[in-house]
Structure formats: C-alpha cells, structure tokens
C-alpha cells in the first residue's frame, strides 16, 4: 500500500486518521485522548456528555423540572458540564500529541449555547469543532469567537456550497476540513436529500470529487476532505491516497473505535458487534429528528417497525370507502376505517395490540397497553434534547415550545434510549432493547482476522493496525 503521509489540517501536520464523534456517552474523552496520543485526530462527543463526581463516577442525568422548558435548561447545563469534563479528560491523556476535536449536532437542543459554554469552560483544550445533522451556518461564527478550526459535516457538494456562500467564506482561514459523510455507509443520522433513494447507494468517489471541484472553485484546493462512512481497511482506498484529483484526503473511523478496550459502551453492545451479519444495519426513518439513520436491526428497531406496520388511515366522518365505524380511546370516539382495514385491526386487537394511538398523518397505530403507557410517559418526560422533536412535538424556537403538530407515537425518545445503552450496567443486554447505531460495515467485525477469537484491541492497537492499511 502507498505510504500514509501526514497532511496539513487545522494548522498542523498530522496523520490523516480521524476518530468519528458518536453521540451520547459513546465517544468520550478517554477514547479521544488515546486516539490523539497515537498521532491522529481524536473526537469526543459534546452531545449530552457525561460529567463526573469527586470519585470519578458519571453523574446520572436526572431531571427535576416540572415543565419541558425547565428540564431543557437542566439538559443544557448537563451538556456544558459534560463537554468540559470530556475535553479535560482528553487533554490529560493525549500528552500534547495529535488533535482534540469536539463533535456536536446542530439539531440537538440548545446546540449553540452548549458548544459556546463548552469552549468557554475548556479554553485551549479543544482544537476543532465538527458539526452535522442540519445546516450549521453559525458554526464558523462560533469558531471565530474562540479561534478554533471548524469541520462541517456534509453529504454533498451542494450542501457545502450553501454553507460557504451564506457564512463560511467569512472564516475561510479557520476551515480545517470538510467531512464528507456518506449517507449510505455511515452510522447514525444521515444526510439523504429528498432526491436520493435510500435503497440505491451511490459510489462515494464521484460525490467526493464533485465536492473537491466545488471547493476548488472557492479557492479551497488544500483544505482536506475527510471521508466518513464505509472505511475499514485503507488498502481498499489506496486510489484515494495522494490522488491529485481529490487533493488532500483524511479517513474517519466511526464504528471501529466502538470495539476497543477503552470504549465506554457496555459488553452486550461490544459482543453484538462481533456477531453482526451483512444487512443487519439499515437505513430507517424512525428517528424523532426526521432524518434517516443507520442502526442495527435489533429488538428495538423491530418493535418500531411493528408499530408502523400496524397502521391504518382513518377519517372523522364517512368519506369514500371509509365507512366502517371504530371507537378510539377510553371514550370510544368514532372514526371511520375502510372495511378491509377494520378486518386487519380486529386481528391486531386479538393479538393484544389493543391501544389505538393517533399520528399526525391521520392514521392510527396499534400497540399493547404497556407500550402505549411507555410512549405517553416518554412524551410527558420530554426535556427538549433536540431543537425539534416529532415524537414529543417539542420545538425550542416556538413561543409555546411546540412544533404545532400532534406528537408522533411512531417514533421514540432518543435521549432516553441513547443514555440507557450508553450506560449499560454489568449483566444488562441493552444492545437488544435500545437504539444501537452502527455504520453499514459493522458486519466486518465478524470477518476481519484482527478480531478473531473475540479479540478487542486497545485504541493504540487499533490505530496501529489501521496505519498498516490492512
């Protein structure tokens, strides 16, 4: 394989190997610091990160506010303290090597307040900001205020062009790189546009080449592009290295660092990764963000699939074929279904799915009484972890903190499930019952000889293995 040489990124020469910044409690200061100490770019998640008590134990994020707005303020406070703690932890470990980046989601609740508070409380400890999940126009303004480099996450040349023209051209000197996150390969939330088919993956090379051409038109010939999604063995990407068409390229690893000794995820998640098969990770539309996301098809996802499959349209008066009466709720308020749908509903009722929940799309879904109670409680407990949430109908910008729509029971509380799986206690099997993000190459853990006999490397061992290209 070609030699993997350092490139200029964020004002320094560095090996072009980047740790991807996974969300809540998954990419922390320990993994980030060790990745940076190995000579690459370590990334910790500043999305509701953990903070610690005097004994070094994570402080549970328990909410006491009576209103969603009150709980939202608690969440912002948790997030700022947690981000500062992770930056300090990474700085203590990296020994002045590599770079430390903080990753945020623009669509998370209070994103600008959180990252501003983290940067104020961890001055000099953070070298760069990566940010995706939305169009983060204000990212460059935040970077200028604190003198750090910024790395927008995009999935197309068109998205970067919009960001550049509206805001980033004013802070070109601090643009450390552009992360191309492939929407068909990367784990977590993905940037598929309305014109792109989730079932028809596109080759990333032409898309990244189009991004480079757009960047060159803006005078960004030497600004690195960070390829994120689907990177496993670098020898498979040899044609990308030192390719004059593409210019400087770095490679981001998001899924592989999950399976390290330093990774904070629980044992059931790690063991699940070792058993994945091709096709176990797929794109879905269940996220309360409204974005597509890539997750493992476990019991959690299958339950969400079941909700949507047990779904029928209804009308509030007789319209066309909607003539069959059906009573909804404790008061059995009459709505109208088609006769074939009523027959399907009766089958679901017989199976125990006796609770009919209304959706914003004038449909009903059918769940068990226990699941209905959980859904209602999760909606009531909302703490505004997203800027807008279709599951709870929260909106941080609206005067009444509502997006004006009915809460959608086909989705879920993402804060609850990510906190649960990220803080798995010994002996739990939360990887089956909670949202488990993964890149689409997760099945390669079971095929890669590096992980034979269930071997779990340290971050340093993984980093060294990656540099061999194999």
Protein backbone atom coordinates (compact mmCIF):
# COMPACT_ATOMS: atom_id res chain seq x y z
CA UNK A 1 0.00 0.00 0.00
CA UNK A 2 1.07 3.60 -0.54
CA UNK A 3 2.74 5.23 2.43
CA UNK A 4 0.28 7.11 4.60
CA UNK A 5 1.85 10.52 4.98
CA UNK A 6 0.89 13.39 7.23
CA UNK A 7 -1.28 16.13 5.77
CA UNK A 8 -1.82 19.74 6.82
CA UNK A 9 -5.06 20.01 8.78
CA UNK A 10 -6.14 22.54 11.34
CA UNK A 11 -2.83 24.37 11.10
CA UNK A 12 -0.62 21.33 11.85
CA UNK A 13 0.82 18.32 10.08
CA UNK A 14 -0.98 15.19 11.24
CA UNK A 15 -1.68 11.62 10.22
CA UNK A 16 -4.95 11.64 8.24
CA UNK A 17 -6.74 9.23 10.57
CA UNK A 18 -9.76 10.67 12.38
CA UNK A 19 -11.94 9.21 15.12
CA UNK A 20 -15.61 9.73 14.36
CA UNK A 21 -17.61 11.52 17.04
CA UNK A 22 -20.51 9.30 18.08
CA UNK A 23 -23.25 10.70 20.30
CA UNK A 24 -24.37 10.45 23.91
CA UNK A 25 -21.71 8.87 26.19
CA UNK A 26 -20.21 6.77 23.35
CA UNK A 27 -17.19 8.75 22.18
CA UNK A 28 -15.68 10.18 25.34
CA UNK A 29 -12.51 11.91 26.50
CA UNK A 30 -10.73 8.60 27.10
CA UNK A 31 -11.10 7.27 23.55
CA UNK A 32 -10.47 10.75 22.14
CA UNK A 33 -7.34 11.30 24.21
CA UNK A 34 -5.88 7.90 23.36
CA UNK A 35 -6.61 8.35 19.65
CA UNK A 36 -4.88 11.73 19.68
CA UNK A 37 -1.96 10.28 21.68
CA UNK A 38 -1.50 7.78 18.85
CA UNK A 39 -0.96 10.64 16.41
CA UNK A 40 -4.36 11.20 14.82
CA UNK A 41 -7.42 13.34 15.39
CA UNK A 42 -9.40 12.23 18.45
CA UNK A 43 -13.02 13.31 18.73
CA UNK A 44 -15.25 13.37 21.78
CA UNK A 45 -18.98 13.84 21.66
CA UNK A 46 -20.30 17.05 23.19
CA UNK A 47 -23.88 15.80 22.87
CA UNK A 48 -25.10 15.50 26.46
CA UNK A 49 -21.74 14.13 27.53
CA UNK A 50 -21.07 12.73 30.98
CA UNK A 51 -19.72 14.79 33.85
CA UNK A 52 -18.28 13.20 36.98
CA UNK A 53 -18.46 13.37 40.76
CA UNK A 54 -15.44 13.66 43.10
CA UNK A 55 -14.84 9.88 42.85
CA UNK A 56 -14.85 9.96 39.04
CA UNK A 57 -18.25 8.32 38.64
CA UNK A 58 -20.64 9.59 35.93
CA UNK A 59 -23.33 11.84 37.34
CA UNK A 60 -26.78 10.48 36.35
CA UNK A 61 -28.70 12.97 34.23
CA UNK A 62 -31.90 13.04 36.29
CA UNK A 63 -34.40 15.81 35.55
CA UNK A 64 -36.46 17.53 38.24
CA UNK A 65 -38.11 20.40 36.32
CA UNK A 66 -41.89 20.42 36.23
CA UNK A 67 -42.10 21.77 32.67
CA UNK A 68 -40.35 20.77 29.47
CA UNK A 69 -38.72 24.20 29.38
CA UNK A 70 -37.35 23.74 32.90
CA UNK A 71 -35.98 20.31 32.00
CA UNK A 72 -34.45 21.74 28.83
CA UNK A 73 -32.46 24.20 30.92
CA UNK A 74 -31.25 21.31 33.07
CA UNK A 75 -30.22 19.43 29.92
CA UNK A 76 -28.18 22.38 28.63
CA UNK A 77 -26.44 22.64 31.99
CA UNK A 78 -25.66 18.90 32.00
CA UNK A 79 -24.31 19.14 28.44
CA UNK A 80 -21.98 22.06 29.12
CA UNK A 81 -20.51 20.49 32.25
CA UNK A 82 -20.15 17.16 30.46
CA UNK A 83 -18.44 18.64 27.42
CA UNK A 84 -15.92 20.46 29.60
CA UNK A 85 -15.22 17.27 31.56
CA UNK A 86 -14.59 15.27 28.38
CA UNK A 87 -12.26 17.93 26.96
CA UNK A 88 -10.26 17.94 30.19
CA UNK A 89 -10.08 14.15 30.20
CA UNK A 90 -8.87 14.01 26.58
CA UNK A 91 -6.28 16.73 27.20
CA UNK A 92 -4.83 14.89 30.19
CA UNK A 93 -4.40 11.70 28.15
CA UNK A 94 -3.14 12.88 24.77
CA UNK A 95 0.21 14.19 26.05
CA UNK A 96 0.31 17.00 23.53
CA UNK A 97 0.04 14.62 20.58
CA UNK A 98 -2.48 14.69 17.74
CA UNK A 99 -5.55 16.91 17.86
CA UNK A 100 -8.66 17.01 20.02
CA UNK A 101 -11.99 17.75 18.35
CA UNK A 102 -15.45 18.15 19.84
CA UNK A 103 -18.44 16.86 17.87
CA UNK A 104 -21.89 18.42 18.11
CA UNK A 105 -25.18 18.02 16.28
CA UNK A 106 -26.69 21.24 15.05
CA UNK A 107 -30.17 19.86 15.59
CA UNK A 108 -29.55 18.98 19.25
CA UNK A 109 -31.35 21.06 21.83
CA UNK A 110 -29.52 24.28 22.70
CA UNK A 111 -26.63 23.40 20.33
CA UNK A 112 -25.16 26.90 20.11
CA UNK A 113 -25.48 27.54 23.85
CA UNK A 114 -23.91 24.18 24.66
CA UNK A 115 -20.85 24.40 22.43
CA UNK A 116 -20.27 28.03 23.44
CA UNK A 117 -20.36 27.04 27.11
CA UNK A 118 -18.02 24.09 26.49
CA UNK A 119 -15.50 26.22 24.61
CA UNK A 120 -15.59 28.91 27.32
CA UNK A 121 -15.03 26.34 30.06
CA UNK A 122 -12.33 24.39 28.19
CA UNK A 123 -10.34 27.20 26.60
CA UNK A 124 -7.21 25.99 24.87
CA UNK A 125 -8.11 22.31 25.21
CA UNK A 126 -10.14 21.87 22.02
CA UNK A 127 -8.51 22.22 18.60
CA UNK A 128 -11.52 21.79 16.35
CA UNK A 129 -15.29 21.52 16.07
CA UNK A 130 -17.07 19.01 13.87
CA UNK A 131 -20.76 19.53 13.32
CA UNK A 132 -23.51 17.95 11.25
CA UNK A 133 -27.17 16.92 11.47
CA UNK A 134 -28.58 20.02 9.85
CA UNK A 135 -27.12 23.09 8.17
CA UNK A 136 -24.82 24.69 10.80
CA UNK A 137 -24.46 28.18 9.33
CA UNK A 138 -23.39 29.62 12.69
CA UNK A 139 -20.54 27.14 13.14
CA UNK A 140 -17.99 29.49 11.57
CA UNK A 141 -19.08 32.37 13.83
CA UNK A 142 -18.52 30.21 16.91
CA UNK A 143 -15.13 29.10 15.59
CA UNK A 144 -14.07 32.72 15.01
CA UNK A 145 -15.12 33.73 18.51
CA UNK A 146 -12.86 31.11 20.09
CA UNK A 147 -10.14 30.83 17.45
CA UNK A 148 -10.63 27.12 16.76
CA UNK A 149 -10.85 25.34 13.44
CA UNK A 150 -14.19 24.02 12.25
CA UNK A 151 -15.18 20.96 10.23
CA UNK A 152 -18.72 20.93 8.80
CA UNK A 153 -20.22 17.52 8.04
CA UNK A 154 -21.95 17.38 4.66
CA UNK A 155 -23.21 14.70 2.30
CA UNK A 156 -23.00 16.60 -0.96
CA UNK A 157 -21.17 19.40 -2.76
CA UNK A 158 -24.45 21.29 -2.92
CA UNK A 159 -24.77 21.38 0.87
CA UNK A 160 -21.25 22.71 1.31
CA UNK A 161 -21.81 25.35 -1.38
CA UNK A 162 -24.83 26.68 0.52
CA UNK A 163 -22.87 26.83 3.78
CA UNK A 164 -19.90 28.54 2.15
CA UNK A 165 -21.89 31.20 0.33
CA UNK A 166 -24.02 32.08 3.32
CA UNK A 167 -21.42 32.06 6.08
CA UNK A 168 -18.18 30.14 5.79
CA UNK A 169 -16.48 32.42 3.26
CA UNK A 170 -16.11 34.92 6.10
CA UNK A 171 -13.98 32.47 8.12
CA UNK A 172 -12.04 30.62 5.42
CA UNK A 173 -8.80 30.71 7.43
CA UNK A 174 -10.34 28.57 10.19
CA UNK A 175 -11.95 25.97 7.92
CA UNK A 176 -9.81 22.99 8.92
CA UNK A 177 -11.50 20.48 6.64
CA UNK A 178 -14.81 19.28 5.27
CA UNK A 179 -16.21 15.94 6.40
CA UNK A 180 -17.98 14.05 3.64
CA UNK A 181 -20.33 11.67 5.47
CA UNK A 182 -21.64 9.10 3.05
CA UNK A 183 -25.40 8.80 3.57
CA UNK A 184 -25.50 5.12 2.57
CA UNK A 185 -22.46 3.94 4.55
CA UNK A 186 -22.08 6.00 7.73
CA UNK A 187 -23.69 5.14 11.05
CA UNK A 188 -26.05 7.39 12.98
CA UNK A 189 -28.04 10.16 11.32
CA UNK A 190 -27.56 10.56 7.59
CA UNK A 191 -27.96 13.44 5.17
CA UNK A 192 -30.05 11.92 2.41
CA UNK A 193 -31.81 14.54 0.33
CA UNK A 194 -35.36 14.19 -0.98
CA UNK A 195 -33.96 13.39 -4.42
CA UNK A 196 -31.80 10.49 -3.23
CA UNK A 197 -33.05 6.93 -2.89
CA UNK A 198 -32.10 5.21 0.40
CA UNK A 199 -32.28 1.86 -1.41
CA UNK A 200 -29.89 2.88 -4.22
CA UNK A 201 -26.42 3.64 -2.81
CA UNK A 202 -24.14 5.83 -4.92
CA UNK A 203 -20.39 5.43 -5.35
CA UNK A 204 -18.71 7.90 -2.95
CA UNK A 205 -15.81 8.73 -5.31
CA UNK A 206 -17.82 10.87 -7.80
CA UNK A 207 -19.60 12.60 -4.95
CA UNK A 208 -16.35 13.45 -3.16
CA UNK A 209 -14.79 14.53 -6.46
CA UNK A 210 -17.75 16.87 -7.01
CA UNK A 211 -17.18 18.27 -3.51
CA UNK A 212 -13.49 18.87 -4.29
CA UNK A 213 -14.36 20.64 -7.56
CA UNK A 214 -16.77 22.88 -5.67
CA UNK A 215 -14.15 23.59 -3.01
CA UNK A 216 -11.57 24.43 -5.67
CA UNK A 217 -13.99 26.94 -7.15
CA UNK A 218 -13.91 28.63 -3.73
CA UNK A 219 -10.10 28.54 -3.55
CA UNK A 220 -10.00 25.62 -1.11
CA UNK A 221 -7.58 23.40 -3.05
CA UNK A 222 -5.54 22.44 0.00
CA UNK A 223 -8.34 22.11 2.55
CA UNK A 224 -8.66 18.40 3.41
CA UNK A 225 -11.77 16.36 2.78
CA UNK A 226 -12.41 13.75 5.48
CA UNK A 227 -14.05 10.62 4.09
CA UNK A 228 -16.53 9.25 6.64
CA UNK A 229 -18.54 6.07 6.22
CA UNK A 230 -17.53 2.67 4.95
CA UNK A 231 -13.80 2.99 5.67
CA UNK A 232 -12.38 -0.24 7.11
CA UNK A 233 -9.05 -1.29 5.51
CA UNK A 234 -7.15 1.63 3.99
CA UNK A 235 -5.72 -0.60 1.26
CA UNK A 236 -9.26 -0.60 -0.17
CA UNK A 237 -8.95 3.18 -0.51
CA UNK A 238 -5.44 3.26 -1.93
CA UNK A 239 -6.58 5.02 -5.09
CA UNK A 240 -7.78 7.92 -2.92
CA UNK A 241 -4.42 8.46 -1.21
CA UNK A 242 -2.22 11.13 -2.87
CA UNK A 243 -4.76 11.35 -5.69
CA UNK A 244 -4.28 14.76 -7.39
CA UNK A 245 -7.93 14.82 -8.46
CA UNK A 246 -9.15 14.54 -4.88
CA UNK A 247 -6.44 16.60 -3.19
CA UNK A 248 -5.66 16.04 0.50
CA UNK A 249 -7.82 13.29 1.98
CA UNK A 250 -8.20 12.03 5.54
CA UNK A 251 -10.19 8.99 6.66
CA UNK A 252 -12.66 8.88 9.52
CA UNK A 253 -13.39 5.76 11.55
CA UNK A 254 -16.65 5.82 13.47
CA UNK A 255 -17.76 2.23 14.02
CA UNK A 256 -14.40 0.52 14.58
CA UNK A 257 -13.44 2.55 17.71
CA UNK A 258 -16.60 1.23 19.40
CA UNK A 259 -14.83 -2.10 19.76
CA UNK A 260 -11.81 -1.12 21.85
CA UNK A 261 -10.91 -1.72 25.45
CA UNK A 262 -11.21 2.00 26.22
CA UNK A 263 -14.61 2.33 24.54
CA UNK A 264 -17.21 3.12 27.24
CA UNK A 265 -20.04 1.12 25.66
CA UNK A 266 -21.29 -1.94 27.53
CA UNK A 267 -20.22 -5.51 26.94
CA UNK A 268 -23.51 -6.58 25.32
CA UNK A 269 -23.04 -3.89 22.64
CA UNK A 270 -19.44 -4.97 22.02
CA UNK A 271 -20.41 -8.62 21.76
CA UNK A 272 -23.29 -7.77 19.44
CA UNK A 273 -20.85 -6.01 17.09
CA UNK A 274 -18.79 -9.19 16.83
CA UNK A 275 -21.82 -11.15 15.58
CA UNK A 276 -23.31 -8.75 13.01
CA UNK A 277 -24.02 -10.05 9.52
CA UNK A 278 -24.31 -8.20 6.23
CA UNK A 279 -27.67 -6.45 6.15
CA UNK A 280 -28.05 -6.20 9.93
CA UNK A 281 -27.56 -2.43 9.67
CA UNK A 282 -30.08 -0.49 7.61
CA UNK A 283 -31.42 3.00 6.98
CA UNK A 284 -34.69 3.82 8.72
CA UNK A 285 -36.99 6.83 9.23
CA UNK A 286 -37.95 6.26 12.85
CA UNK A 287 -35.71 8.96 14.33
CA UNK A 288 -37.52 11.86 16.05
CA UNK A 289 -35.21 14.21 14.12
CA UNK A 290 -36.94 13.33 10.87
CA UNK A 291 -33.59 12.32 9.34
CA UNK A 292 -32.75 8.89 8.07
CA UNK A 293 -30.47 6.99 10.42
CA UNK A 294 -28.40 3.80 10.23
CA UNK A 295 -28.90 1.39 13.10
CA UNK A 296 -28.70 -2.31 13.91
CA UNK A 297 -31.90 -4.20 13.23
CA UNK A 298 -32.34 -5.37 16.83
CA UNK A 299 -35.42 -5.83 19.01
CA UNK A 300 -35.76 -2.07 19.48
CA UNK A 301 -35.95 -1.38 15.74
CA UNK A 302 -38.21 -4.36 15.13
CA UNK A 303 -40.72 -3.04 17.68
CA UNK A 304 -40.73 0.33 15.89
CA UNK A 305 -41.27 -1.45 12.59
CA UNK A 306 -44.20 -3.27 14.12
CA UNK A 307 -45.82 -0.01 15.20
CA UNK A 308 -45.73 1.39 11.68
CA UNK A 309 -46.86 -1.87 10.10
CA UNK A 310 -49.91 -1.97 12.40
CA UNK A 311 -51.18 1.28 10.91
CA UNK A 312 -54.38 2.31 9.15
CA UNK A 313 -55.74 5.59 7.85
CA UNK A 314 -58.94 6.98 9.35
CA UNK A 315 -61.42 9.80 8.77
CA UNK A 316 -63.62 11.60 11.28
CA UNK A 317 -66.67 11.31 9.02
CA UNK A 318 -67.78 8.97 6.27
CA UNK A 319 -65.63 9.65 3.22
CA UNK A 320 -65.44 7.33 0.21
CA UNK A 321 -64.59 3.80 1.35
CA UNK A 322 -64.07 4.92 4.97
CA UNK A 323 -67.46 3.75 6.20
CA UNK A 324 -66.64 1.23 8.97
CA UNK A 325 -67.05 2.62 12.48
CA UNK A 326 -64.30 2.17 15.07
CA UNK A 327 -64.11 3.57 18.59
CA UNK A 328 -60.82 5.18 19.69
CA UNK A 329 -59.68 5.89 23.23
CA UNK A 330 -61.41 5.46 26.61
CA UNK A 331 -64.48 7.29 25.35
CA UNK A 332 -64.59 5.25 22.14
CA UNK A 333 -64.87 8.27 19.89
CA UNK A 334 -65.98 7.11 16.49
CA UNK A 335 -63.69 7.30 13.49
CA UNK A 336 -64.12 5.61 10.13
CA UNK A 337 -61.94 2.97 8.54
CA UNK A 338 -62.20 1.02 5.33
CA UNK A 339 -63.77 -2.42 5.77
CA UNK A 340 -60.52 -4.27 4.85
CA UNK A 341 -58.62 -2.16 7.40
CA UNK A 342 -61.21 -2.91 10.07
CA UNK A 343 -60.62 -6.62 9.49
CA UNK A 344 -56.85 -6.08 9.97
CA UNK A 345 -57.50 -4.06 13.13
CA UNK A 346 -59.59 -6.88 14.61
CA UNK A 347 -56.66 -9.28 14.06
CA UNK A 348 -54.29 -6.90 15.89
CA UNK A 349 -56.75 -6.50 18.76
CA UNK A 350 -56.93 -10.27 19.10
CA UNK A 351 -53.12 -10.36 19.32
CA UNK A 352 -53.11 -7.94 22.26
CA UNK A 353 -52.41 -4.70 20.40
CA UNK A 354 -55.50 -3.08 21.86
CA UNK A 355 -54.41 0.56 22.15
CA UNK A 356 -55.00 2.81 19.12
CA UNK A 357 -52.78 5.90 19.02
CA UNK A 358 -53.33 8.79 16.62
CA UNK A 359 -50.47 10.07 14.45
CA UNK A 360 -50.02 13.50 12.80
CA UNK A 361 -50.84 11.87 9.43
CA UNK A 362 -54.44 10.96 10.33
CA UNK A 363 -53.58 7.35 10.90
CA UNK A 364 -53.86 5.02 13.86
CA UNK A 365 -51.17 2.66 15.09
CA UNK A 366 -51.89 -0.26 17.39
CA UNK A 367 -49.72 -1.21 20.37
CA UNK A 368 -50.08 -3.08 23.65
CA UNK A 369 -51.37 -1.19 26.71
CA UNK A 370 -47.88 -1.42 28.26
CA UNK A 371 -46.24 0.12 25.20
CA UNK A 372 -48.90 2.85 25.00
CA UNK A 373 -48.19 3.77 28.62
CA UNK A 374 -44.46 3.92 27.95
CA UNK A 375 -44.95 6.11 24.88
CA UNK A 376 -47.17 8.56 26.75
CA UNK A 377 -44.78 8.74 29.69
CA UNK A 378 -41.76 9.33 27.47
CA UNK A 379 -43.61 12.16 25.72
CA UNK A 380 -44.57 13.72 29.06
CA UNK A 381 -40.95 13.47 30.30
CA UNK A 382 -39.55 15.32 27.27
CA UNK A 383 -36.55 17.53 28.13
CA UNK A 384 -36.05 19.12 24.71
CA UNK A 385 -32.91 17.23 23.69
CA UNK A 386 -33.49 18.19 20.03
CA UNK A 387 -34.18 21.57 18.51
CA UNK A 388 -37.38 19.99 17.19
CA UNK A 389 -38.77 16.57 18.01
CA UNK A 390 -41.56 14.86 16.14
CA UNK A 391 -42.01 12.25 18.88
CA UNK A 392 -42.90 14.76 21.62
CA UNK A 393 -43.75 17.78 19.37
CA UNK A 394 -41.13 19.90 21.20
CA UNK A 395 -39.68 22.95 19.42
CA UNK A 396 -37.16 25.15 21.19
CA UNK A 397 -37.87 28.14 18.93
CA UNK A 398 -41.67 28.33 19.27
CA UNK A 399 -43.21 30.59 21.93
CA UNK A 400 -45.10 27.63 23.40
CA UNK A 401 -42.22 25.17 22.69
CA UNK A 402 -44.45 23.13 20.39
CA UNK A 403 -43.97 22.43 16.70
CA UNK A 404 -47.72 22.79 16.25
CA UNK A 405 -48.26 19.15 15.31
CA UNK A 406 -49.60 16.13 17.12
CA UNK A 407 -46.87 14.14 18.85
CA UNK A 408 -45.91 11.14 16.70
CA UNK A 409 -46.07 7.76 18.51
CA UNK A 410 -44.31 6.01 15.60
CA UNK A 411 -41.01 7.48 16.83
CA UNK A 412 -39.26 7.35 20.22
CA UNK A 413 -37.37 9.33 22.89
CA UNK A 414 -33.85 9.33 21.53
CA UNK A 415 -32.31 10.82 24.68
CA UNK A 416 -33.72 8.03 26.85
CA UNK A 417 -32.59 5.15 24.67
CA UNK A 418 -29.09 6.53 23.98
CA UNK A 419 -28.50 7.28 27.65
CA UNK A 420 -29.65 3.75 28.52
CA UNK A 421 -27.46 1.91 26.03
CA UNK A 422 -24.53 4.23 26.71
CA UNK A 423 -24.61 3.48 30.45
CA UNK A 424 -25.24 -0.23 30.37
CA UNK A 425 -24.68 -1.88 33.73
CA UNK A 426 -22.84 -5.17 34.07
CA UNK A 427 -25.05 -8.08 33.06
CA UNK A 428 -27.59 -5.99 31.11
CA UNK A 429 -28.47 -6.72 27.49
CA UNK A 430 -29.45 -3.21 26.47
CA UNK A 431 -27.98 -3.65 22.98
CA UNK A 432 -31.10 -5.59 22.05
CA UNK A 433 -33.66 -3.27 23.64
CA UNK A 434 -32.30 0.16 22.72
CA UNK A 435 -31.22 2.13 19.67
CA UNK A 436 -27.85 0.78 18.52
CA UNK A 437 -26.20 2.94 15.87
CA UNK A 438 -23.60 1.41 13.56
CA UNK A 439 -22.01 2.03 10.19
CA UNK A 440 -23.05 -0.35 7.42
CA UNK A 441 -19.71 -2.14 7.53
CA UNK A 442 -20.33 -3.32 11.08
CA UNK A 443 -20.68 -6.89 9.78
CA UNK A 444 -16.94 -6.85 9.03
CA UNK A 445 -16.04 -7.27 12.70
CA UNK A 446 -17.03 -10.93 12.31
CA UNK A 447 -14.95 -11.31 9.12
CA UNK A 448 -11.80 -9.35 9.94
CA UNK A 449 -8.99 -11.62 11.23
CA UNK A 450 -7.91 -8.79 13.54
CA UNK A 451 -10.90 -9.60 15.76
CA UNK A 452 -10.57 -13.39 15.63
CA UNK A 453 -11.40 -15.29 18.82
CA UNK A 454 -13.25 -12.23 20.12
CA UNK A 455 -10.11 -10.07 20.37
CA UNK A 456 -10.84 -6.49 21.47
CA UNK A 457 -7.87 -4.15 20.92
CA UNK A 458 -6.79 -1.04 22.76
CA UNK A 459 -7.17 2.25 20.91
CA UNK A 460 -3.42 2.25 20.30
CA UNK A 461 -3.50 -1.26 18.83
CA UNK A 462 -6.43 -0.37 16.57
CA UNK A 463 -4.74 2.83 15.43
CA UNK A 464 -1.51 0.98 14.61
CA UNK A 465 -3.47 -1.68 12.74
CA UNK A 466 -5.24 0.98 10.66
CA UNK A 467 -1.93 2.55 9.63
CA UNK A 468 -0.81 -0.77 8.09
CA UNK A 469 -3.69 -0.43 5.63
CA UNK A 470 -4.90 -4.00 6.24
